[in-house]
Structures are given as structure tokens and as C-alpha cells.
C-alpha atoms as a PDB file:
ATOM      1  CA  UNK A   1       0.000   0.000   0.000  1.00  0.00           C
ATOM      2  CA  UNK A   2       1.474   3.402  -0.889  1.00  0.00           C
ATOM      3  CA  UNK A   3       1.860   5.591   2.127  1.00  0.00           C
ATOM      4  CA  UNK A   4       3.059   9.014   3.103  1.00  0.00           C
ATOM      5  CA  UNK A   5       6.748   9.374   3.875  1.00  0.00           C
ATOM      6  CA  UNK A   6       7.662   8.250   7.365  1.00  0.00           C
ATOM      7  CA  UNK A   7       7.910  11.055   9.877  1.00  0.00           C
ATOM      8  CA  UNK A   8      11.203  11.574  11.724  1.00  0.00           C
ATOM      9  CA  UNK A   9       9.370  11.320  15.065  1.00  0.00           C
ATOM     10  CA  UNK A  10       6.154   9.946  16.484  1.00  0.00           C
ATOM     11  CA  UNK A  11       3.694  12.887  16.478  1.00  0.00           C
ATOM     12  CA  UNK A  12       1.562  11.236  19.151  1.00  0.00           C
ATOM     13  CA  UNK A  13       4.562  10.854  21.455  1.00  0.00           C
ATOM     14  CA  UNK A  14       5.374  14.516  20.794  1.00  0.00           C
ATOM     15  CA  UNK A  15       1.781  15.499  21.563  1.00  0.00           C
ATOM     16  CA  UNK A  16       2.049  13.496  24.803  1.00  0.00           C
ATOM     17  CA  UNK A  17       5.203  15.408  25.704  1.00  0.00           C
ATOM     18  CA  UNK A  18       3.426  18.708  24.974  1.00  0.00           C
ATOM     19  CA  UNK A  19       0.398  17.678  27.081  1.00  0.00           C
ATOM     20  CA  UNK A  20       2.705  17.056  30.028  1.00  0.00           C
ATOM     21  CA  UNK A  21       4.637  20.282  29.378  1.00  0.00           C
ATOM     22  CA  UNK A  22       1.400  22.295  29.369  1.00  0.00           C
ATOM     23  CA  UNK A  23       0.234  20.870  32.684  1.00  0.00           C
ATOM     24  CA  UNK A  24      -2.184  18.248  31.411  1.00  0.00           C
ATOM     25  CA  UNK A  25      -0.229  15.230  32.737  1.00  0.00           C
ATOM     26  CA  UNK A  26      -3.341  13.597  34.144  1.00  0.00           C
ATOM     27  CA  UNK A  27      -4.855  13.394  30.637  1.00  0.00           C
ATOM     28  CA  UNK A  28      -1.684  12.857  28.581  1.00  0.00           C
ATOM     29  CA  UNK A  29      -1.774   9.054  28.591  1.00  0.00           C
ATOM     30  CA  UNK A  30      -5.471   9.002  27.701  1.00  0.00           C
ATOM     31  CA  UNK A  31      -4.939  11.519  24.891  1.00  0.00           C
ATOM     32  CA  UNK A  32      -2.113   9.375  23.509  1.00  0.00           C
ATOM     33  CA  UNK A  33      -4.249   6.216  23.716  1.00  0.00           C
ATOM     34  CA  UNK A  34      -7.299   7.774  22.044  1.00  0.00           C
ATOM     35  CA  UNK A  35      -5.227   9.455  19.351  1.00  0.00           C
ATOM     36  CA  UNK A  36      -3.295   6.233  18.705  1.00  0.00           C
ATOM     37  CA  UNK A  37      -6.495   4.237  18.312  1.00  0.00           C
ATOM     38  CA  UNK A  38      -7.904   6.819  15.925  1.00  0.00           C
ATOM     39  CA  UNK A  39      -4.721   6.811  13.834  1.00  0.00           C
ATOM     40  CA  UNK A  40      -4.596   3.004  13.729  1.00  0.00           C
ATOM     41  CA  UNK A  41      -8.249   3.022  12.625  1.00  0.00           C
ATOM     42  CA  UNK A  42      -7.274   5.297   9.713  1.00  0.00           C
ATOM     43  CA  UNK A  43      -4.406   2.980   8.779  1.00  0.00           C
ATOM     44  CA  UNK A  44      -6.594  -0.127   8.949  1.00  0.00           C
ATOM     45  CA  UNK A  45      -9.432   1.457   6.962  1.00  0.00           C
ATOM     46  CA  UNK A  46      -6.960   2.498   4.247  1.00  0.00           C
ATOM     47  CA  UNK A  47      -5.734  -1.097   4.016  1.00  0.00           C
ATOM     48  CA  UNK A  48      -9.289  -2.462   3.910  1.00  0.00           C
ATOM     49  CA  UNK A  49     -10.383   0.138   1.344  1.00  0.00           C
ATOM     50  CA  UNK A  50      -7.424  -0.743  -0.891  1.00  0.00           C
ATOM     51  CA  UNK A  51      -8.505  -4.397  -0.915  1.00  0.00           C
ATOM     52  CA  UNK A  52     -12.221  -3.685  -1.372  1.00  0.00           C
ATOM     53  CA  UNK A  53     -11.967  -0.926  -3.987  1.00  0.00           C
ATOM     54  CA  UNK A  54     -11.590  -3.323  -6.945  1.00  0.00           C
ATOM     55  CA  UNK A  55     -14.681  -5.246  -5.754  1.00  0.00           C
ATOM     56  CA  UNK A  56     -16.819  -2.092  -5.776  1.00  0.00           C
ATOM     57  CA  UNK A  57     -17.700  -2.627  -2.114  1.00  0.00           C
ATOM     58  CA  UNK A  58     -17.365  -0.244   0.784  1.00  0.00           C
ATOM     59  CA  UNK A  59     -16.597  -1.767   4.170  1.00  0.00           C
ATOM     60  CA  UNK A  60     -20.208  -1.190   5.281  1.00  0.00           C
ATOM     61  CA  UNK A  61     -21.570  -3.064   2.271  1.00  0.00           C
ATOM     62  CA  UNK A  62     -18.973  -5.809   2.702  1.00  0.00           C
ATOM     63  CA  UNK A  63     -20.010  -6.221   6.361  1.00  0.00           C
ATOM     64  CA  UNK A  64     -23.674  -6.546   5.399  1.00  0.00           C
ATOM     65  CA  UNK A  65     -22.964  -9.125   2.697  1.00  0.00           C
ATOM     66  CA  UNK A  66     -20.746 -11.096   5.045  1.00  0.00           C
ATOM     67  CA  UNK A  67     -23.346 -10.985   7.816  1.00  0.00           C
ATOM     68  CA  UNK A  68     -25.880 -12.441   5.383  1.00  0.00           C
ATOM     69  CA  UNK A  69     -23.492 -15.260   4.430  1.00  0.00           C
ATOM     70  CA  UNK A  70     -23.346 -16.247   8.115  1.00  0.00           C
ATOM     71  CA  UNK A  71     -27.115 -16.712   8.414  1.00  0.00           C
ATOM     72  CA  UNK A  72     -28.828 -20.074   7.933  1.00  0.00           C
ATOM     73  CA  UNK A  73     -31.061 -18.841   5.129  1.00  0.00           C
ATOM     74  CA  UNK A  74     -28.985 -15.988   3.696  1.00  0.00           C
ATOM     75  CA  UNK A  75     -31.622 -13.490   4.823  1.00  0.00           C
ATOM     76  CA  UNK A  76     -32.297 -11.245   7.802  1.00  0.00           C
ATOM     77  CA  UNK A  77     -34.889  -8.651   8.722  1.00  0.00           C
ATOM     78  CA  UNK A  78     -33.448  -5.232   7.960  1.00  0.00           C
ATOM     79  CA  UNK A  79     -33.881  -4.159  11.609  1.00  0.00           C
ATOM     80  CA  UNK A  80     -31.943  -7.206  12.816  1.00  0.00           C
ATOM     81  CA  UNK A  81     -29.143  -6.495  10.319  1.00  0.00           C
ATOM     82  CA  UNK A  82     -28.996  -2.942  11.653  1.00  0.00           C
ATOM     83  CA  UNK A  83     -28.718  -4.177  15.250  1.00  0.00           C
ATOM     84  CA  UNK A  84     -26.068  -6.788  14.479  1.00  0.00           C
ATOM     85  CA  UNK A  85     -23.968  -4.335  12.499  1.00  0.00           C
ATOM     86  CA  UNK A  86     -24.471  -1.678  15.187  1.00  0.00           C
ATOM     87  CA  UNK A  87     -25.508   0.966  12.671  1.00  0.00           C
ATOM     88  CA  UNK A  88     -28.564   3.158  12.232  1.00  0.00           C
ATOM     89  CA  UNK A  89     -31.383   1.580  10.183  1.00  0.00           C
ATOM     90  CA  UNK A  90     -30.935   4.327   7.572  1.00  0.00           C
ATOM     91  CA  UNK A  91     -27.375   3.126   6.990  1.00  0.00           C
ATOM     92  CA  UNK A  92     -28.601  -0.419   6.356  1.00  0.00           C
ATOM     93  CA  UNK A  93     -31.285   0.874   4.003  1.00  0.00           C
ATOM     94  CA  UNK A  94     -28.656   2.835   2.071  1.00  0.00           C
ATOM     95  CA  UNK A  95     -26.341  -0.199   1.879  1.00  0.00           C
ATOM     96  CA  UNK A  96     -29.212  -2.456   0.783  1.00  0.00           C
ATOM     97  CA  UNK A  97     -30.241   0.061  -1.902  1.00  0.00           C
ATOM     98  CA  UNK A  98     -26.742   0.012  -3.382  1.00  0.00           C
ATOM     99  CA  UNK A  99     -26.261  -3.742  -3.033  1.00  0.00           C
ATOM    100  CA  UNK A 100     -29.678  -4.372  -4.575  1.00  0.00           C
ATOM    101  CA  UNK A 101     -28.866  -2.102  -7.516  1.00  0.00           C
ATOM    102  CA  UNK A 102     -25.681  -4.161  -8.043  1.00  0.00           C
ATOM    103  CA  UNK A 103     -27.657  -7.433  -7.930  1.00  0.00           C
ATOM    104  CA  UNK A 104     -25.959  -8.614  -4.725  1.00  0.00           C
ATOM    105  CA  UNK A 105     -29.039  -8.664  -2.468  1.00  0.00           C
ATOM    106  CA  UNK A 106     -32.809  -8.542  -2.854  1.00  0.00           C
ATOM    107  CA  UNK A 107     -35.589  -7.377  -0.600  1.00  0.00           C
ATOM    108  CA  UNK A 108     -38.193 -10.029   0.096  1.00  0.00           C
ATOM    109  CA  UNK A 109     -41.325 -10.001   2.236  1.00  0.00           C
ATOM    110  CA  UNK A 110     -41.078 -11.793   5.560  1.00  0.00           C
ATOM    111  CA  UNK A 111     -43.019 -15.080   5.302  1.00  0.00           C
ATOM    112  CA  UNK A 112     -44.972 -14.577   8.556  1.00  0.00           C
ATOM    113  CA  UNK A 113     -44.777 -10.856   9.377  1.00  0.00           C
ATOM    114  CA  UNK A 114     -46.186  -8.498   6.744  1.00  0.00           C
ATOM    115  CA  UNK A 115     -44.589  -5.500   8.477  1.00  0.00           C
ATOM    116  CA  UNK A 116     -41.065  -6.865   8.058  1.00  0.00           C
ATOM    117  CA  UNK A 117     -38.840  -6.853   5.011  1.00  0.00           C
ATOM    118  CA  UNK A 118     -35.965  -9.288   4.705  1.00  0.00           C
ATOM    119  CA  UNK A 119     -32.714  -8.551   2.933  1.00  0.00           C
ATOM    120  CA  UNK A 120     -31.512 -11.677   1.160  1.00  0.00           C
ATOM    121  CA  UNK A 121     -28.112 -12.289  -0.396  1.00  0.00           C
ATOM    122  CA  UNK A 122     -27.999 -13.429  -4.023  1.00  0.00           C
ATOM    123  CA  UNK A 123     -25.632 -16.059  -5.375  1.00  0.00           C
ATOM    124  CA  UNK A 124     -23.441 -13.352  -6.903  1.00  0.00           C
ATOM    125  CA  UNK A 125     -23.489 -11.480  -3.579  1.00  0.00           C
ATOM    126  CA  UNK A 126     -22.380 -14.617  -1.772  1.00  0.00           C
ATOM    127  CA  UNK A 127     -19.548 -15.219  -4.271  1.00  0.00           C
ATOM    128  CA  UNK A 128     -18.375 -11.614  -3.940  1.00  0.00           C
ATOM    129  CA  UNK A 129     -18.523 -11.717  -0.124  1.00  0.00           C
ATOM    130  CA  UNK A 130     -16.456 -14.914  -0.011  1.00  0.00           C
ATOM    131  CA  UNK A 131     -13.918 -13.581  -2.522  1.00  0.00           C
ATOM    132  CA  UNK A 132     -13.589 -10.258  -0.666  1.00  0.00           C
ATOM    133  CA  UNK A 133     -13.193 -12.095   2.645  1.00  0.00           C
ATOM    134  CA  UNK A 134     -10.422 -14.269   1.222  1.00  0.00           C
ATOM    135  CA  UNK A 135      -8.617 -11.157  -0.028  1.00  0.00           C
ATOM    136  CA  UNK A 136      -9.073  -9.343   3.284  1.00  0.00           C
ATOM    137  CA  UNK A 137      -7.871 -12.419   5.183  1.00  0.00           C
ATOM    138  CA  UNK A 138      -4.752 -12.600   3.003  1.00  0.00           C
ATOM    139  CA  UNK A 139      -3.901  -8.907   2.936  1.00  0.00           C
ATOM    140  CA  UNK A 140      -5.322  -7.383   6.133  1.00  0.00           C
ATOM    141  CA  UNK A 141      -6.861  -9.659   8.757  1.00  0.00           C
ATOM    142  CA  UNK A 142      -4.117 -12.304   8.577  1.00  0.00           C
ATOM    143  CA  UNK A 143      -1.417  -9.714   9.260  1.00  0.00           C
ATOM    144  CA  UNK A 144      -2.918  -6.819  11.224  1.00  0.00           C
ATOM    145  CA  UNK A 145       0.468  -5.607  12.489  1.00  0.00           C
ATOM    146  CA  UNK A 146       0.130  -7.252  15.903  1.00  0.00           C
ATOM    147  CA  UNK A 147       0.715 -10.945  16.590  1.00  0.00           C
ATOM    148  CA  UNK A 148       0.433 -13.659  19.199  1.00  0.00           C
ATOM    149  CA  UNK A 149      -0.130 -12.631  22.784  1.00  0.00           C
ATOM    150  CA  UNK A 150      -0.105  -8.957  21.865  1.00  0.00           C
ATOM    151  CA  UNK A 151      -3.018  -9.557  19.503  1.00  0.00           C
ATOM    152  CA  UNK A 152      -4.929 -11.478  22.189  1.00  0.00           C
ATOM    153  CA  UNK A 153      -4.227  -8.675  24.679  1.00  0.00           C
ATOM    154  CA  UNK A 154      -5.271  -5.980  22.225  1.00  0.00           C
ATOM    155  CA  UNK A 155      -8.584  -7.681  21.453  1.00  0.00           C
ATOM    156  CA  UNK A 156      -9.252  -8.191  25.178  1.00  0.00           C
ATOM    157  CA  UNK A 157      -8.411  -4.566  26.025  1.00  0.00           C
ATOM    158  CA  UNK A 158     -10.554  -3.178  23.214  1.00  0.00           C
ATOM    159  CA  UNK A 159     -13.437  -5.507  24.133  1.00  0.00           C
ATOM    160  CA  UNK A 160     -13.260  -4.091  27.677  1.00  0.00           C
ATOM    161  CA  UNK A 161     -13.420  -0.530  26.341  1.00  0.00           C
ATOM    162  CA  UNK A 162     -16.371  -1.448  24.138  1.00  0.00           C
ATOM    163  CA  UNK A 163     -18.167  -3.249  26.996  1.00  0.00           C
ATOM    164  CA  UNK A 164     -17.727  -0.306  29.389  1.00  0.00           C
ATOM    165  CA  UNK A 165     -19.035   2.018  26.657  1.00  0.00           C
ATOM    166  CA  UNK A 166     -22.206  -0.091  26.464  1.00  0.00           C
ATOM    167  CA  UNK A 167     -21.382  -1.644  23.096  1.00  0.00           C
ATOM    168  CA  UNK A 168     -22.475  -5.090  24.320  1.00  0.00           C
ATOM    169  CA  UNK A 169     -23.404  -6.825  27.564  1.00  0.00           C
ATOM    170  CA  UNK A 170     -21.361 -10.035  27.468  1.00  0.00           C
ATOM    171  CA  UNK A 171     -19.639 -10.815  30.737  1.00  0.00           C
ATOM    172  CA  UNK A 172     -16.944 -13.017  29.120  1.00  0.00           C
ATOM    173  CA  UNK A 173     -13.595 -11.217  29.332  1.00  0.00           C
ATOM    174  CA  UNK A 174     -11.734 -13.610  27.047  1.00  0.00           C
ATOM    175  CA  UNK A 175     -11.853 -11.201  24.092  1.00  0.00           C
ATOM    176  CA  UNK A 176     -12.655 -14.026  21.681  1.00  0.00           C
END
């Protein structure tokens, strides 16, 4: 992946030093942690976007397709997809609109609830989701830049942050 030239120093470490210098020592570590997470998110999204761009998928659309491949029937109520992806229903509607236009999903009536619409993956959507996942596994997920125990620790730490923020209610601290 092409990237900007490497900086001669870590700007987050420098910001930390400046926080301390300006009397904000009590918040310096937190600022460095939050800023580091945000920068790593940018790096990871750039890597993911580079892999997905040739497929025509955004990460949001990829996530929806992949979620549908994990279901027994290849279909979910739109509201349930929204909840599982932790996004606003409007975002799911937008993703479904685009995926439907590309022939990757269809909207179908729920068989027992007339008020509910299901989003169902098509065969071409399933093939694209599997292909994109294989590429992401090879180029991003299989080598995220952290390995072994550090990776386990990172996932556990981030799961704790997410749990305390109310992201989910699971009491298991294993991270996996």
C-alpha cells in the first residue's frame, strides 16, 4: 500500500510530551491512547479500502454481505441487520439500496410478518462476499500488524473498552 513518507518522530509521542509540558499530565496518557487508536483506525481502513476498492464494495456493504453469508437462510430482517452491524437503520437501508442495484441482495417479504422486510443475499453477492473475505484475510486480517499474545491482549483490552461504553453486555472477558 502506498503511504506518506515516514515522519522523523512519532507525532503522538510529541503530543504526549506537549500535554505534560502544558500541565495536562493527568490526561496525557489518555490523549495518547485515544489518538493512537484513531490513527490506527485510519491505517486499517486504508488497508481495507485498498482491498475492497476493486470489488466495488465499501466496508459497510462488505459487512452486510458477510453478515448475510453467516445466516442459515442468507436473509435477515433489515432491523436485525442494523442491530447486528451496530448501525442506524438508515445506513442499512442505504447499503441495501446500493447492493440491490448491483444485484448482490434482494428485498423479500417476511413469510410470517407483513410488516417486516428481509434482505436476502444473491448467489453473486455470496460469491463476492467470499472472494472479498479471502482477499481481506490474506492482505489485512491475517497480518494486522500485531501478533500472538499482543493480539490477544489488544482484542481483550478493546473488548473491555467497548463493553464499558455499552457496546455489548457479554460478561466473558476472554476477548474471543
